[in-house]
Amino acid sequence: MNHHTLLTLAASDEKEIILIGGIVIALVAIIFSFVRSMVLGTAREHSRREIAAYVAEGTMTAEEGERLIKAGNPPPDE
């Protein structure tokens, strides 16, 4: 092998490594985003159930519970 062939192989390997690294980073970001949304959804549902339990036992009124549930939701787009 001559010097030119070795440089071409090294450049090709570098591009592949960068491409694979970019793909891995994108996949990790997607997975973390999915896990984050699952955790947030679970926490939101847990809070809703807790509020419903307080309303059912009479510790808070239905209006207070509704206000708390709406406070955690983003405002609707107009």
PDB file of N, CA and C in Angstrom:
ATOM      1  N   MET A   1       0.835  -1.185   0.000  1.00  0.00           N
ATOM      2  CA  MET A   1       0.000   0.000   0.000  1.00  0.00           C
ATOM      3  C   MET A   1       0.875   1.243   0.000  1.00  0.00           C
ATOM      4  N   ASN A   2       0.418   2.186  -0.745  1.00  0.00           N
ATOM      5  CA  ASN A   2       1.190   3.429  -0.758  1.00  0.00           C
ATOM      6  C   ASN A   2       0.575   4.442   0.198  1.00  0.00           C
ATOM      7  N   HIS A   3       1.219   5.538   0.331  1.00  0.00           N
ATOM      8  CA  HIS A   3       0.823   6.591   1.279  1.00  0.00           C
ATOM      9  C   HIS A   3      -0.573   7.151   0.961  1.00  0.00           C
ATOM     10  N   HIS A   4      -0.885   7.337  -0.316  1.00  0.00           N
ATOM     11  CA  HIS A   4      -2.172   7.898  -0.732  1.00  0.00           C
ATOM     12  C   HIS A   4      -3.332   6.961  -0.351  1.00  0.00           C
ATOM     13  N   THR A   5      -3.135   5.670  -0.519  1.00  0.00           N
ATOM     14  CA  THR A   5      -4.173   4.684  -0.182  1.00  0.00           C
ATOM     15  C   THR A   5      -4.447   4.680   1.316  1.00  0.00           C
ATOM     16  N   LEU A   6      -3.414   4.767   2.133  1.00  0.00           N
ATOM     17  CA  LEU A   6      -3.585   4.789   3.580  1.00  0.00           C
ATOM     18  C   LEU A   6      -4.357   6.030   4.024  1.00  0.00           C
ATOM     19  N   LEU A   7      -4.071   7.191   3.431  1.00  0.00           N
ATOM     20  CA  LEU A   7      -4.779   8.413   3.787  1.00  0.00           C
ATOM     21  C   LEU A   7      -6.246   8.325   3.391  1.00  0.00           C
ATOM     22  N   THR A   8      -6.528   7.725   2.239  1.00  0.00           N
ATOM     23  CA  THR A   8      -7.910   7.573   1.787  1.00  0.00           C
ATOM     24  C   THR A   8      -8.675   6.657   2.737  1.00  0.00           C
ATOM     25  N   LEU A   9      -8.070   5.554   3.172  1.00  0.00           N
ATOM     26  CA  LEU A   9      -8.713   4.639   4.112  1.00  0.00           C
ATOM     27  C   LEU A   9      -8.952   5.309   5.459  1.00  0.00           C
ATOM     28  N   ALA A  10      -7.986   6.081   5.935  1.00  0.00           N
ATOM     29  CA  ALA A  10      -8.131   6.760   7.219  1.00  0.00           C
ATOM     30  C   ALA A  10      -9.255   7.784   7.166  1.00  0.00           C
ATOM     31  N   ALA A  11      -9.356   8.527   6.080  1.00  0.00           N
ATOM     32  CA  ALA A  11     -10.415   9.527   5.936  1.00  0.00           C
ATOM     33  C   ALA A  11     -11.776   8.852   5.858  1.00  0.00           C
ATOM     34  N   SER A  12     -11.847   7.733   5.175  1.00  0.00           N
ATOM     35  CA  SER A  12     -13.104   6.990   5.055  1.00  0.00           C
ATOM     36  C   SER A  12     -13.544   6.468   6.419  1.00  0.00           C
ATOM     37  N   ASP A  13     -12.606   5.929   7.193  1.00  0.00           N
ATOM     38  CA  ASP A  13     -12.917   5.423   8.530  1.00  0.00           C
ATOM     39  C   ASP A  13     -13.379   6.556   9.455  1.00  0.00           C
ATOM     40  N   GLU A  14     -12.763   7.709   9.333  1.00  0.00           N
ATOM     41  CA  GLU A  14     -13.138   8.859  10.155  1.00  0.00           C
ATOM     42  C   GLU A  14     -14.579   9.277   9.879  1.00  0.00           C
ATOM     43  N   LYS A  15     -14.960   9.312   8.616  1.00  0.00           N
ATOM     44  CA  LYS A  15     -16.327   9.698   8.244  1.00  0.00           C
ATOM     45  C   LYS A  15     -17.328   8.684   8.786  1.00  0.00           C
ATOM     46  N   GLU A  16     -16.994   7.414   8.701  1.00  0.00           N
ATOM     47  CA  GLU A  16     -17.894   6.378   9.211  1.00  0.00           C
ATOM     48  C   GLU A  16     -18.047   6.478  10.727  1.00  0.00           C
ATOM     49  N   ILE A  17     -16.967   6.725  11.413  1.00  0.00           N
ATOM     50  CA  ILE A  17     -17.015   6.858  12.871  1.00  0.00           C
ATOM     51  C   ILE A  17     -17.875   8.054  13.262  1.00  0.00           C
ATOM     52  N   ILE A  18     -17.711   9.172  12.575  1.00  0.00           N
ATOM     53  CA  ILE A  18     -18.511  10.363  12.865  1.00  0.00           C
ATOM     54  C   ILE A  18     -19.983  10.094  12.582  1.00  0.00           C
ATOM     55  N   LEU A  19     -20.275   9.418  11.472  1.00  0.00           N
ATOM     56  CA  LEU A  19     -21.655   9.092  11.120  1.00  0.00           C
ATOM     57  C   LEU A  19     -22.283   8.167  12.160  1.00  0.00           C
ATOM     58  N   ILE A  20     -21.577   7.122  12.536  1.00  0.00           N
ATOM     59  CA  ILE A  20     -22.093   6.179  13.537  1.00  0.00           C
ATOM     60  C   ILE A  20     -22.267   6.883  14.883  1.00  0.00           C
ATOM     61  N   GLY A  21     -21.317   7.738  15.252  1.00  0.00           N
ATOM     62  CA  GLY A  21     -21.433   8.492  16.501  1.00  0.00           C
ATOM     63  C   GLY A  21     -22.651   9.397  16.497  1.00  0.00           C
ATOM     64  N   GLY A  22     -22.912  10.049  15.386  1.00  0.00           N
ATOM     65  CA  GLY A  22     -24.084  10.906  15.274  1.00  0.00           C
ATOM     66  C   GLY A  22     -25.375  10.111  15.397  1.00  0.00           C
ATOM     67  N   ILE A  23     -25.410   8.934  14.781  1.00  0.00           N
ATOM     68  CA  ILE A  23     -26.597   8.082  14.871  1.00  0.00           C
ATOM     69  C   ILE A  23     -26.822   7.620  16.309  1.00  0.00           C
ATOM     70  N   VAL A  24     -25.756   7.237  16.988  1.00  0.00           N
ATOM     71  CA  VAL A  24     -25.868   6.782  18.382  1.00  0.00           C
ATOM     72  C   VAL A  24     -26.375   7.914  19.270  1.00  0.00           C
ATOM     73  N   ILE A  25     -25.843   9.104  19.084  1.00  0.00           N
ATOM     74  CA  ILE A  25     -26.282  10.256  19.891  1.00  0.00           C
ATOM     75  C   ILE A  25     -27.761  10.542  19.641  1.00  0.00           C
ATOM     76  N   ALA A  26     -28.195  10.477  18.379  1.00  0.00           N
ATOM     77  CA  ALA A  26     -29.604  10.717  18.058  1.00  0.00           C
ATOM     78  C   ALA A  26     -30.497   9.660  18.708  1.00  0.00           C
ATOM     79  N   LEU A  27     -30.093   8.395  18.648  1.00  0.00           N
ATOM     80  CA  LEU A  27     -30.884   7.326  19.264  1.00  0.00           C
ATOM     81  C   LEU A  27     -30.976   7.489  20.776  1.00  0.00           C
ATOM     82  N   VAL A  28     -29.895   7.842  21.409  1.00  0.00           N
ATOM     83  CA  VAL A  28     -29.901   8.047  22.863  1.00  0.00           C
ATOM     84  C   VAL A  28     -30.827   9.216  23.221  1.00  0.00           C
ATOM     85  N   ALA A  29     -30.788  10.280  22.438  1.00  0.00           N
ATOM     86  CA  ALA A  29     -31.660  11.429  22.693  1.00  0.00           C
ATOM     87  C   ALA A  29     -33.126  11.037  22.544  1.00  0.00           C
ATOM     88  N   ILE A  30     -33.447  10.244  21.534  1.00  0.00           N
ATOM     89  CA  ILE A  30     -34.829   9.797  21.330  1.00  0.00           C
ATOM     90  C   ILE A  30     -35.281   8.926  22.488  1.00  0.00           C
ATOM     91  N   ILE A  31     -34.427   8.016  22.928  1.00  0.00           N
ATOM     92  CA  ILE A  31     -34.782   7.119  24.036  1.00  0.00           C
ATOM     93  C   ILE A  31     -34.998   7.916  25.319  1.00  0.00           C
ATOM     94  N   PHE A  32     -34.100   8.857  25.621  1.00  0.00           N
ATOM     95  CA  PHE A  32     -34.262   9.674  26.831  1.00  0.00           C
ATOM     96  C   PHE A  32     -35.536  10.517  26.770  1.00  0.00           C
ATOM     97  N   SER A  33     -35.861  11.036  25.592  1.00  0.00           N
ATOM     98  CA  SER A  33     -37.082  11.814  25.435  1.00  0.00           C
ATOM     99  C   SER A  33     -38.310  10.947  25.695  1.00  0.00           C
ATOM    100  N   PHE A  34     -38.287   9.727  25.194  1.00  0.00           N
ATOM    101  CA  PHE A  34     -39.401   8.801  25.406  1.00  0.00           C
ATOM    102  C   PHE A  34     -39.550   8.460  26.886  1.00  0.00           C
ATOM    103  N   VAL A  35     -38.445   8.158  27.547  1.00  0.00           N
ATOM    104  CA  VAL A  35     -38.481   7.816  28.974  1.00  0.00           C
ATOM    105  C   VAL A  35     -38.974   9.013  29.787  1.00  0.00           C
ATOM    106  N   ARG A  36     -38.516  10.204  29.443  1.00  0.00           N
ATOM    107  CA  ARG A  36     -38.943  11.419  30.153  1.00  0.00           C
ATOM    108  C   ARG A  36     -40.450  11.614  30.031  1.00  0.00           C
ATOM    109  N   SER A  37     -40.981  11.438  28.825  1.00  0.00           N
ATOM    110  CA  SER A  37     -42.422  11.624  28.647  1.00  0.00           C
ATOM    111  C   SER A  37     -43.207  10.567  29.403  1.00  0.00           C
ATOM    112  N   MET A  38     -42.684   9.348  29.496  1.00  0.00           N
ATOM    113  CA  MET A  38     -43.354   8.301  30.269  1.00  0.00           C
ATOM    114  C   MET A  38     -43.374   8.656  31.751  1.00  0.00           C
ATOM    115  N   VAL A  39     -42.259   9.122  32.270  1.00  0.00           N
ATOM    116  CA  VAL A  39     -42.176   9.476  33.684  1.00  0.00           C
ATOM    117  C   VAL A  39     -43.109  10.642  34.008  1.00  0.00           C
ATOM    118  N   LEU A  40     -43.123  11.654  33.139  1.00  0.00           N
ATOM    119  CA  LEU A  40     -44.008  12.800  33.363  1.00  0.00           C
ATOM    120  C   LEU A  40     -45.475  12.380  33.305  1.00  0.00           C
ATOM    121  N   GLY A  41     -45.825  11.528  32.369  1.00  0.00           N
ATOM    122  CA  GLY A  41     -47.196  11.051  32.264  1.00  0.00           C
ATOM    123  C   GLY A  41     -47.618  10.257  33.485  1.00  0.00           C
ATOM    124  N   THR A  42     -46.719   9.406  33.974  1.00  0.00           N
ATOM    125  CA  THR A  42     -47.007   8.613  35.164  1.00  0.00           C
ATOM    126  C   THR A  42     -47.185   9.515  36.382  1.00  0.00           C
ATOM    127  N   ALA A  43     -46.331  10.513  36.523  1.00  0.00           N
ATOM    128  CA  ALA A  43     -46.436  11.439  37.655  1.00  0.00           C
ATOM    129  C   ALA A  43     -47.734  12.237  37.590  1.00  0.00           C
ATOM    130  N   ARG A  44     -48.105  12.671  36.388  1.00  0.00           N
ATOM    131  CA  ARG A  44     -49.343  13.435  36.218  1.00  0.00           C
ATOM    132  C   ARG A  44     -50.548  12.570  36.598  1.00  0.00           C
ATOM    133  N   GLU A  45     -50.564  11.313  36.147  1.00  0.00           N
ATOM    134  CA  GLU A  45     -51.678  10.415  36.461  1.00  0.00           C
ATOM    135  C   GLU A  45     -51.734  10.130  37.967  1.00  0.00           C
ATOM    136  N   HIS A  46     -50.580   9.985  38.594  1.00  0.00           N
ATOM    137  CA  HIS A  46     -50.534   9.751  40.037  1.00  0.00           C
ATOM    138  C   HIS A  46     -51.144  10.946  40.787  1.00  0.00           C
ATOM    139  N   SER A  47     -50.788  12.149  40.354  1.00  0.00           N
ATOM    140  CA  SER A  47     -51.335  13.357  40.983  1.00  0.00           C
ATOM    141  C   SER A  47     -52.846  13.432  40.821  1.00  0.00           C
ATOM    142  N   ARG A  48     -53.323  13.099  39.624  1.00  0.00           N
ATOM    143  CA  ARG A  48     -54.766  13.126  39.383  1.00  0.00           C
ATOM    144  C   ARG A  48     -55.486  12.141  40.306  1.00  0.00           C
ATOM    145  N   ARG A  49     -54.904  10.967  40.477  1.00  0.00           N
ATOM    146  CA  ARG A  49     -55.522   9.964  41.353  1.00  0.00           C
ATOM    147  C   ARG A  49     -55.526  10.422  42.814  1.00  0.00           C
ATOM    148  N   GLU A  50     -54.433  11.052  43.236  1.00  0.00           N
ATOM    149  CA  GLU A  50     -54.364  11.565  44.607  1.00  0.00           C
ATOM    150  C   GLU A  50     -55.442  12.627  44.836  1.00  0.00           C
ATOM    151  N   ILE A  51     -55.593  13.537  43.881  1.00  0.00           N
ATOM    152  CA  ILE A  51     -56.605  14.590  44.006  1.00  0.00           C
ATOM    153  C   ILE A  51     -57.995  13.960  44.044  1.00  0.00           C
ATOM    154  N   ALA A  52     -58.229  12.967  43.188  1.00  0.00           N
ATOM    155  CA  ALA A  52     -59.534  12.295  43.176  1.00  0.00           C
ATOM    156  C   ALA A  52     -59.806  11.620  44.523  1.00  0.00           C
ATOM    157  N   ALA A  53     -58.777  11.060  45.138  1.00  0.00           N
ATOM    158  CA  ALA A  53     -58.951  10.423  46.449  1.00  0.00           C
ATOM    159  C   ALA A  53     -59.305  11.459  47.513  1.00  0.00           C
ATOM    160  N   TYR A  54     -58.653  12.618  47.476  1.00  0.00           N
ATOM    161  CA  TYR A  54     -58.976  13.677  48.443  1.00  0.00           C
ATOM    162  C   TYR A  54     -60.422  14.152  48.267  1.00  0.00           C
ATOM    163  N   VAL A  55     -60.847  14.284  47.013  1.00  0.00           N
ATOM    164  CA  VAL A  55     -62.225  14.709  46.755  1.00  0.00           C
ATOM    165  C   VAL A  55     -63.194  13.631  47.251  1.00  0.00           C
ATOM    166  N   ALA A  56     -62.877  12.359  46.991  1.00  0.00           N
ATOM    167  CA  ALA A  56     -63.758  11.265  47.393  1.00  0.00           C
ATOM    168  C   ALA A  56     -63.891  11.170  48.911  1.00  0.00           C
ATOM    169  N   GLU A  57     -62.822  11.435  49.633  1.00  0.00           N
ATOM    170  CA  GLU A  57     -62.907  11.341  51.102  1.00  0.00           C
ATOM    171  C   GLU A  57     -63.450  12.618  51.728  1.00  0.00           C
ATOM    172  N   GLY A  58     -63.626  13.659  50.912  1.00  0.00           N
ATOM    173  CA  GLY A  58     -64.212  14.896  51.415  1.00  0.00           C
ATOM    174  C   GLY A  58     -63.213  15.891  51.965  1.00  0.00           C
ATOM    175  N   THR A  59     -61.927  15.621  51.827  1.00  0.00           N
ATOM    176  CA  THR A  59     -60.900  16.533  52.316  1.00  0.00           C
ATOM    177  C   THR A  59     -60.864  17.816  51.498  1.00  0.00           C
ATOM    178  N   MET A  60     -61.197  17.716  50.206  1.00  0.00           N
ATOM    179  CA  MET A  60     -61.263  18.915  49.365  1.00  0.00           C
ATOM    180  C   MET A  60     -62.520  18.831  48.502  1.00  0.00           C
ATOM    181  N   THR A  61     -62.960  19.982  48.049  1.00  0.00           N
ATOM    182  CA  THR A  61     -64.159  20.013  47.219  1.00  0.00           C
ATOM    183  C   THR A  61     -63.804  19.656  45.779  1.00  0.00           C
ATOM    184  N   ALA A  62     -64.827  19.314  45.021  1.00  0.00           N
ATOM    185  CA  ALA A  62     -64.612  18.991  43.611  1.00  0.00           C
ATOM    186  C   ALA A  62     -64.064  20.193  42.851  1.00  0.00           C
ATOM    187  N   GLU A  63     -64.510  21.396  43.228  1.00  0.00           N
ATOM    188  CA  GLU A  63     -64.023  22.600  42.559  1.00  0.00           C
ATOM    189  C   GLU A  63     -62.529  22.815  42.822  1.00  0.00           C
ATOM    190  N   GLU A  64     -62.112  22.581  44.073  1.00  0.00           N
ATOM    191  CA  GLU A  64     -60.678  22.705  44.394  1.00  0.00           C
ATOM    192  C   GLU A  64     -59.858  21.676  43.616  1.00  0.00           C
ATOM    193  N   GLY A  65     -60.362  20.458  43.551  1.00  0.00           N
ATOM    194  CA  GLY A  65     -59.670  19.415  42.803  1.00  0.00           C
ATOM    195  C   GLY A  65     -59.549  19.752  41.327  1.00  0.00           C
ATOM    196  N   GLU A  66     -60.647  20.253  40.772  1.00  0.00           N
ATOM    197  CA  GLU A  66     -60.627  20.635  39.360  1.00  0.00           C
ATOM    198  C   GLU A  66     -59.634  21.766  39.123  1.00  0.00           C
ATOM    199  N   ARG A  67     -59.591  22.719  40.022  1.00  0.00           N
ATOM    200  CA  ARG A  67     -58.656  23.844  39.896  1.00  0.00           C
ATOM    201  C   ARG A  67     -57.200  23.338  39.947  1.00  0.00           C
ATOM    202  N   LEU A  68     -56.925  22.397  40.854  1.00  0.00           N
ATOM    203  CA  LEU A  68     -55.570  21.837  40.942  1.00  0.00           C
ATOM    204  C   LEU A  68     -55.195  21.084  39.679  1.00  0.00           C
ATOM    205  N   ILE A  69     -56.108  20.310  39.140  1.00  0.00           N
ATOM    206  CA  ILE A  69     -55.819  19.541  37.933  1.00  0.00           C
ATOM    207  C   ILE A  69     -55.577  20.485  36.755  1.00  0.00           C
ATOM    208  N   LYS A  70     -56.392  21.527  36.640  1.00  0.00           N
ATOM    209  CA  LYS A  70     -56.209  22.488  35.541  1.00  0.00           C
ATOM    210  C   LYS A  70     -54.924  23.292  35.711  1.00  0.00           C
ATOM    211  N   ALA A  71     -54.484  23.495  36.939  1.00  0.00           N
ATOM    212  CA  ALA A  71     -53.258  24.280  37.174  1.00  0.00           C
ATOM    213  C   ALA A  71     -52.033  23.586  36.596  1.00  0.00           C
ATOM    214  N   GLY A  72     -52.058  22.258  36.505  1.00  0.00           N
ATOM    215  CA  GLY A  72     -50.906  21.537  35.976  1.00  0.00           C
ATOM    216  C   GLY A  72     -50.893  21.396  34.473  1.00  0.00           C
ATOM    217  N   ASN A  73     -51.970  21.792  33.806  1.00  0.00           N
ATOM    218  CA  ASN A  73     -52.057  21.666  32.370  1.00  0.00           C
ATOM    219  C   ASN A  73     -51.710  22.982  31.694  1.00  0.00           C
ATOM    220  N   PRO A  74     -51.029  22.924  30.545  1.00  0.00           N
ATOM    221  CA  PRO A  74     -50.740  24.174  29.826  1.00  0.00           C
ATOM    222  C   PRO A  74     -52.031  24.757  29.252  1.00  0.00           C
ATOM    223  N   PRO A  75     -52.109  26.081  29.106  1.00  0.00           N
ATOM    224  CA  PRO A  75     -53.326  26.694  28.574  1.00  0.00           C
ATOM    225  C   PRO A  75     -53.552  26.268  27.125  1.00  0.00           C
ATOM    226  N   PRO A  76     -54.797  26.118  26.708  1.00  0.00           N
ATOM    227  CA  PRO A  76     -55.069  25.726  25.318  1.00  0.00           C
ATOM    228  C   PRO A  76     -54.693  26.844  24.357  1.00  0.00           C
ATOM    229  N   ASP A  77     -54.255  26.453  23.168  1.00  0.00           N
ATOM    230  CA  ASP A  77     -53.913  27.447  22.150  1.00  0.00           C
ATOM    231  C   ASP A  77     -55.185  28.055  21.587  1.00  0.00           C
ATOM    232  N   GLU A  78     -55.155  29.340  21.402  1.00  0.00           N
ATOM    233  CA  GLU A  78     -56.340  30.026  20.854  1.00  0.00           C
ATOM    234  C   GLU A  78     -56.110  30.420  19.442  1.00  0.00           C
TER     235      GLU A  78
END
